[in-house]
Amino acid sequence: MRTGFEPDKGVIAAALVAALAAGGAKAETFATDWTKSAKSEARLVAAGPDIAGFEIRLAPNAITYWRDPGEAGVPPTLDFSGSVNVASVAPIFPAPTRIVEADGSVAFGWRDGVVIPLKVQPADPAKPVMLKLHANYAVCEKLCLPAEATLSLTLPSGPSPEAALVQKALAAAPREAEPKAFGEIVAAGKDAWRFCAPHEAGPARDLFVEPPAGWWVTGTPVAGDKGRDCFTLTLQQKPDGAALPVDLRLTLTGGQGPVEARLAAPALK
């Protein structure tokens, strides 16, 4: 004989399942919504607990710029100062292409879009990382327009379905080479050097030169010796009072894939 209310165990189990479904742990989010600007849209994607990517999609015929924009343009700025549990963030820029703009100037950047991998060092690896990015970048077609995105994303504790997207971008980034194996710079006149690297089979090689602030050095392919790919480096501008040698960051594309190294350009003749 029942002396009080005894709820059905099946009803209790069903109620618990429903409660967990409604109020249980929230599923991890692996990408932000797209932030739209004129001619572009941008988002953050999470590839793992310590790696993410900043993805820009561009309208047809539009371009955006590399960390060194070339003769014209504006490089992207990435501000992570609002992040939580982050010691440092290192952007890894995929290799650029050389783009001739409508006014004849030569830019370094990308068409269609780009994913910039972000290597994150947590302040405390035992705690989750909340990555907050304020990005400014330029998008150019016939006119150049500024674009801006403020994005935040908590990185997952484990694998991410976006990992392949970021790994593909990492594979397109220049790998670091030992300076001695990378190539050699020698003086070739009063305002030029000759740079030669060991030849590699594959697509034609291009060279991107990044000097310190205030300097401007351009690279042009020239006929190389047998077994070498050579370029003329021309000193276009240097700060008043600056002296040689000068350290250059050189990025080679084509061949067996992009590589980069830092070499000193010696005093000129």
Protein backbone atom coordinates (compact mmCIF):
# COMPACT_ATOMS: atom_id res chain seq x y z
CA MET A 1 0.00 0.00 0.00
CA ARG A 2 1.37 3.39 -0.98
CA THR A 3 1.44 5.97 1.79
CA GLY A 4 2.78 8.88 -0.35
CA PHE A 5 3.70 9.99 -3.84
CA GLU A 6 6.37 7.86 -5.55
CA PRO A 7 7.36 9.38 -8.92
CA ASP A 8 7.95 7.08 -11.84
CA LYS A 9 11.71 6.39 -12.34
CA GLY A 10 11.33 6.57 -16.12
CA VAL A 11 9.85 10.06 -15.86
CA ILE A 12 12.79 11.16 -13.66
CA ALA A 13 15.36 9.84 -16.14
CA ALA A 14 13.69 11.59 -19.07
CA ALA A 15 13.54 14.84 -17.12
CA LEU A 16 17.25 14.62 -16.27
CA VAL A 17 18.17 14.06 -19.92
CA ALA A 18 16.07 17.06 -20.97
CA ALA A 19 17.62 19.23 -18.27
CA LEU A 20 21.15 18.29 -19.34
CA ALA A 21 20.32 18.99 -22.97
CA ALA A 22 18.89 22.40 -22.13
CA GLY A 23 21.32 23.55 -19.46
CA GLY A 24 24.38 21.36 -19.76
CA ALA A 25 27.86 22.27 -21.02
CA LYS A 26 27.81 24.58 -23.99
CA ALA A 27 29.30 23.18 -27.19
CA GLU A 28 32.66 24.68 -28.13
CA THR A 29 32.71 27.32 -30.86
CA PHE A 30 35.55 27.04 -33.36
CA ALA A 31 35.02 30.25 -35.36
CA THR A 32 33.55 33.70 -34.90
CA ASP A 33 30.91 35.17 -37.14
CA TRP A 34 32.20 37.08 -40.17
CA THR A 35 32.73 40.81 -39.70
CA LYS A 36 31.92 42.53 -42.97
CA SER A 37 33.64 45.58 -44.46
CA ALA A 38 33.52 47.07 -47.93
CA LYS A 39 35.03 44.49 -50.34
CA SER A 40 35.99 42.07 -47.54
CA GLU A 41 34.95 40.05 -44.51
CA ALA A 42 37.06 38.66 -41.65
CA ARG A 43 36.83 36.16 -38.81
CA LEU A 44 38.87 34.28 -36.20
CA VAL A 45 39.11 30.48 -36.35
CA ALA A 46 40.43 28.19 -33.62
CA ALA A 47 42.74 25.36 -34.68
CA GLY A 48 43.66 24.06 -31.23
CA PRO A 49 44.43 25.13 -27.66
CA ASP A 50 47.45 27.23 -28.74
CA ILE A 51 46.88 28.05 -32.40
CA ALA A 52 44.30 30.08 -34.31
CA GLY A 53 43.94 31.89 -37.59
CA PHE A 54 42.81 35.31 -38.80
CA GLU A 55 40.95 34.76 -42.07
CA ILE A 56 40.21 37.50 -44.62
CA ARG A 57 37.99 36.92 -47.64
CA LEU A 58 38.16 39.47 -50.45
CA ALA A 59 35.76 40.53 -53.19
CA PRO A 60 36.77 39.58 -56.76
CA ASN A 61 39.75 41.67 -58.00
CA ALA A 62 40.42 43.10 -54.54
CA ILE A 63 43.77 42.71 -52.77
CA THR A 64 45.14 43.09 -49.26
CA TYR A 65 48.72 43.56 -48.13
CA TRP A 66 51.53 41.49 -46.61
CA ARG A 67 53.55 42.49 -43.53
CA ASP A 68 55.68 44.55 -45.99
CA PRO A 69 53.23 46.10 -48.48
CA GLY A 70 55.83 46.92 -51.16
CA GLU A 71 55.91 50.26 -52.94
CA ALA A 72 52.39 51.16 -51.84
CA GLY A 73 49.75 50.02 -49.42
CA VAL A 74 49.36 49.48 -45.70
CA PRO A 75 50.37 46.35 -43.77
CA PRO A 76 47.82 44.76 -41.43
CA THR A 77 47.98 45.61 -37.73
CA LEU A 78 46.89 42.94 -35.26
CA ASP A 79 46.27 43.98 -31.65
CA PHE A 80 45.75 41.21 -29.07
CA SER A 81 45.99 43.39 -25.95
CA GLY A 82 42.46 42.53 -24.79
CA SER A 83 43.11 38.78 -24.70
CA VAL A 84 42.79 36.68 -21.53
CA ASN A 85 45.47 34.21 -20.35
CA VAL A 86 47.77 35.07 -23.26
CA ALA A 87 51.52 35.63 -22.83
CA SER A 88 52.20 36.27 -26.53
CA VAL A 89 50.77 35.85 -30.03
CA ALA A 90 53.04 35.35 -33.06
CA PRO A 91 51.41 35.94 -36.48
CA ILE A 92 52.84 33.68 -39.21
CA PHE A 93 52.41 35.39 -42.60
CA PRO A 94 52.00 33.17 -45.69
CA ALA A 95 54.31 34.10 -48.55
CA PRO A 96 53.01 36.99 -50.69
CA THR A 97 52.75 37.52 -54.41
CA ARG A 98 53.93 40.54 -56.40
CA ILE A 99 50.92 42.59 -57.60
CA VAL A 100 51.10 45.47 -60.10
CA GLU A 101 48.47 48.04 -59.15
CA ALA A 102 46.53 50.38 -61.42
CA ASP A 103 49.00 53.26 -60.92
CA GLY A 104 51.96 51.02 -61.86
CA SER A 105 53.26 50.61 -58.31
CA VAL A 106 54.20 47.11 -57.15
CA ALA A 107 52.52 45.76 -54.03
CA PHE A 108 53.24 42.65 -51.99
CA GLY A 109 50.11 40.86 -50.85
CA TRP A 110 47.28 38.49 -51.67
CA ARG A 111 44.25 38.23 -53.93
CA ASP A 112 41.01 36.39 -53.04
CA GLY A 113 41.90 36.14 -49.37
CA VAL A 114 44.36 34.85 -46.79
CA VAL A 115 44.55 32.98 -43.49
CA ILE A 116 47.23 34.31 -41.13
CA PRO A 117 48.08 31.62 -38.55
CA LEU A 118 48.44 32.83 -34.95
CA LYS A 119 50.71 30.89 -32.61
CA VAL A 120 49.53 31.54 -29.06
CA GLN A 121 51.58 31.17 -25.87
CA PRO A 122 49.18 30.86 -22.90
CA ALA A 123 50.14 32.59 -19.69
CA ASP A 124 48.88 29.50 -17.81
CA PRO A 125 48.65 26.35 -19.99
CA ALA A 126 46.22 24.80 -17.50
CA LYS A 127 43.63 27.51 -18.15
CA PRO A 128 41.63 28.34 -21.29
CA VAL A 129 42.73 31.10 -23.66
CA MET A 130 40.34 33.81 -24.79
CA LEU A 131 41.84 35.45 -27.85
CA LYS A 132 40.67 38.97 -28.61
CA LEU A 133 41.81 40.62 -31.83
CA HIS A 134 41.41 44.17 -33.07
CA ALA A 135 42.57 44.14 -36.71
CA ASN A 136 43.06 46.94 -39.20
CA TYR A 137 43.91 46.18 -42.82
CA ALA A 138 43.54 47.76 -46.24
CA VAL A 139 41.52 46.42 -49.17
CA CYS A 140 42.27 47.81 -52.61
CA GLU A 141 40.62 47.46 -55.99
CA LYS A 142 40.33 50.69 -58.01
CA LEU A 143 40.25 52.53 -54.68
CA CYS A 144 41.86 51.58 -51.36
CA LEU A 145 39.55 51.32 -48.37
CA PRO A 146 40.33 50.71 -44.68
CA ALA A 147 38.83 47.64 -43.04
CA GLU A 148 38.46 46.87 -39.36
CA ALA A 149 37.41 43.86 -37.31
CA THR A 150 37.09 43.28 -33.55
CA LEU A 151 36.84 39.56 -32.83
CA SER A 152 37.04 37.31 -29.77
CA LEU A 153 37.15 33.53 -29.46
CA THR A 154 37.93 31.03 -26.70
CA LEU A 155 40.38 28.43 -27.97
CA PRO A 156 39.31 24.79 -27.56
CA SER A 157 40.89 22.34 -25.16
CA GLY A 158 41.36 19.75 -27.89
CA PRO A 159 41.20 19.22 -31.67
CA SER A 160 39.29 21.60 -33.93
CA PRO A 161 37.53 21.06 -37.27
CA GLU A 162 39.22 24.29 -38.45
CA ALA A 163 42.72 22.84 -37.94
CA ALA A 164 43.18 21.87 -41.61
CA LEU A 165 42.48 25.45 -42.76
CA VAL A 166 45.20 26.86 -40.50
CA GLN A 167 47.66 24.05 -41.25
CA LYS A 168 47.32 24.77 -44.97
CA ALA A 169 48.19 28.42 -44.31
CA LEU A 170 51.18 27.38 -42.20
CA ALA A 171 52.43 25.26 -45.09
CA ALA A 172 52.31 28.37 -47.33
CA ALA A 173 54.48 30.39 -44.93
CA PRO A 174 58.23 30.69 -45.55
CA ARG A 175 60.37 28.29 -43.57
CA GLU A 176 63.43 29.61 -41.78
CA ALA A 177 66.74 28.77 -43.46
CA GLU A 178 70.30 28.92 -42.19
CA PRO A 179 71.88 32.10 -43.61
CA LYS A 180 74.94 30.25 -44.96
CA ALA A 181 72.75 27.77 -46.83
CA PHE A 182 70.27 30.43 -47.97
CA GLY A 183 72.57 32.51 -50.17
CA GLU A 184 75.14 35.29 -50.33
CA ILE A 185 75.05 39.07 -50.79
CA VAL A 186 78.04 40.84 -52.38
CA ALA A 187 78.56 44.47 -53.39
CA ALA A 188 77.88 45.14 -57.08
CA GLY A 189 78.25 48.92 -57.49
CA LYS A 190 77.76 52.19 -55.65
CA ASP A 191 74.07 51.53 -54.93
CA ALA A 192 73.51 47.81 -55.56
CA TRP A 193 74.31 44.32 -54.37
CA ARG A 194 74.09 40.92 -56.03
CA PHE A 195 72.28 38.18 -54.12
CA CYS A 196 72.49 34.54 -55.26
CA ALA A 197 70.86 31.44 -53.78
CA PRO A 198 71.34 27.77 -54.71
CA HIS A 199 69.04 26.97 -57.64
CA GLU A 200 65.89 24.98 -56.96
CA ALA A 201 63.74 23.25 -59.58
CA GLY A 202 60.11 24.33 -59.71
CA PRO A 203 58.24 27.59 -60.35
CA ALA A 204 60.29 30.71 -61.11
CA ARG A 205 61.67 32.25 -57.94
CA ASP A 206 60.87 35.73 -56.68
CA LEU A 207 62.56 37.72 -53.93
CA PHE A 208 60.98 40.01 -51.33
CA VAL A 209 63.33 42.32 -49.44
CA GLU A 210 62.50 43.75 -46.00
CA PRO A 211 65.04 46.30 -44.74
CA PRO A 212 64.85 48.19 -41.43
CA ALA A 213 62.54 51.17 -41.06
CA GLY A 214 63.62 54.14 -43.17
CA TRP A 215 65.43 52.00 -45.75
CA TRP A 216 64.10 50.95 -49.16
CA VAL A 217 65.76 48.11 -51.07
CA THR A 218 64.26 46.45 -54.15
CA GLY A 219 65.06 43.07 -55.69
CA THR A 220 65.09 42.24 -59.42
CA PRO A 221 65.89 38.83 -60.94
CA VAL A 222 68.99 38.63 -63.14
CA ALA A 223 70.75 35.85 -65.02
CA GLY A 224 72.45 33.61 -62.50
CA ASP A 225 75.54 31.48 -62.58
CA LYS A 226 75.05 27.80 -63.26
CA GLY A 227 73.27 26.26 -60.32
CA ARG A 228 72.24 29.58 -58.73
CA ASP A 229 69.22 31.91 -58.74
CA CYS A 230 70.40 35.54 -58.66
CA PHE A 231 68.90 38.98 -58.03
CA THR A 232 70.11 42.56 -58.05
CA LEU A 233 69.35 44.39 -54.81
CA THR A 234 69.11 48.14 -55.39
CA LEU A 235 69.42 50.66 -52.58
CA GLN A 236 66.63 53.14 -53.27
CA GLN A 237 66.67 55.04 -49.98
CA LYS A 238 68.35 55.06 -46.57
CA PRO A 239 67.99 57.26 -43.48
CA ASP A 240 70.23 60.31 -43.25
CA GLY A 241 73.49 59.37 -41.59
CA ALA A 242 72.81 55.61 -41.75
CA ALA A 243 75.82 53.44 -42.53
CA LEU A 244 76.33 50.00 -44.04
CA PRO A 245 76.24 47.08 -43.49
CA VAL A 246 72.46 46.73 -43.11
CA ASP A 247 70.53 43.63 -42.06
CA LEU A 248 67.93 42.47 -44.57
CA ARG A 249 65.14 39.96 -44.17
CA LEU A 250 64.90 38.10 -47.49
CA THR A 251 62.01 35.86 -48.58
CA LEU A 252 62.35 33.62 -51.62
CA THR A 253 59.25 32.11 -53.24
CA GLY A 254 58.92 29.55 -56.04
CA GLY A 255 61.35 26.65 -56.35
CA GLN A 256 60.60 23.99 -53.75
CA GLY A 257 58.61 26.38 -51.57
CA PRO A 258 59.05 29.70 -49.74
CA VAL A 259 62.10 30.20 -47.50
CA GLU A 260 63.47 33.17 -45.62
CA ALA A 261 66.60 34.27 -43.78
CA ARG A 262 68.30 37.38 -42.45
CA LEU A 263 71.52 38.44 -44.19
CA ALA A 264 73.77 41.49 -43.89
CA ALA A 265 74.22 43.62 -47.00
CA PRO A 266 77.88 44.79 -46.89
CA ALA A 267 79.38 48.19 -47.59
CA LEU A 268 79.09 49.25 -51.23
CA LYS A 269 81.98 50.01 -53.59
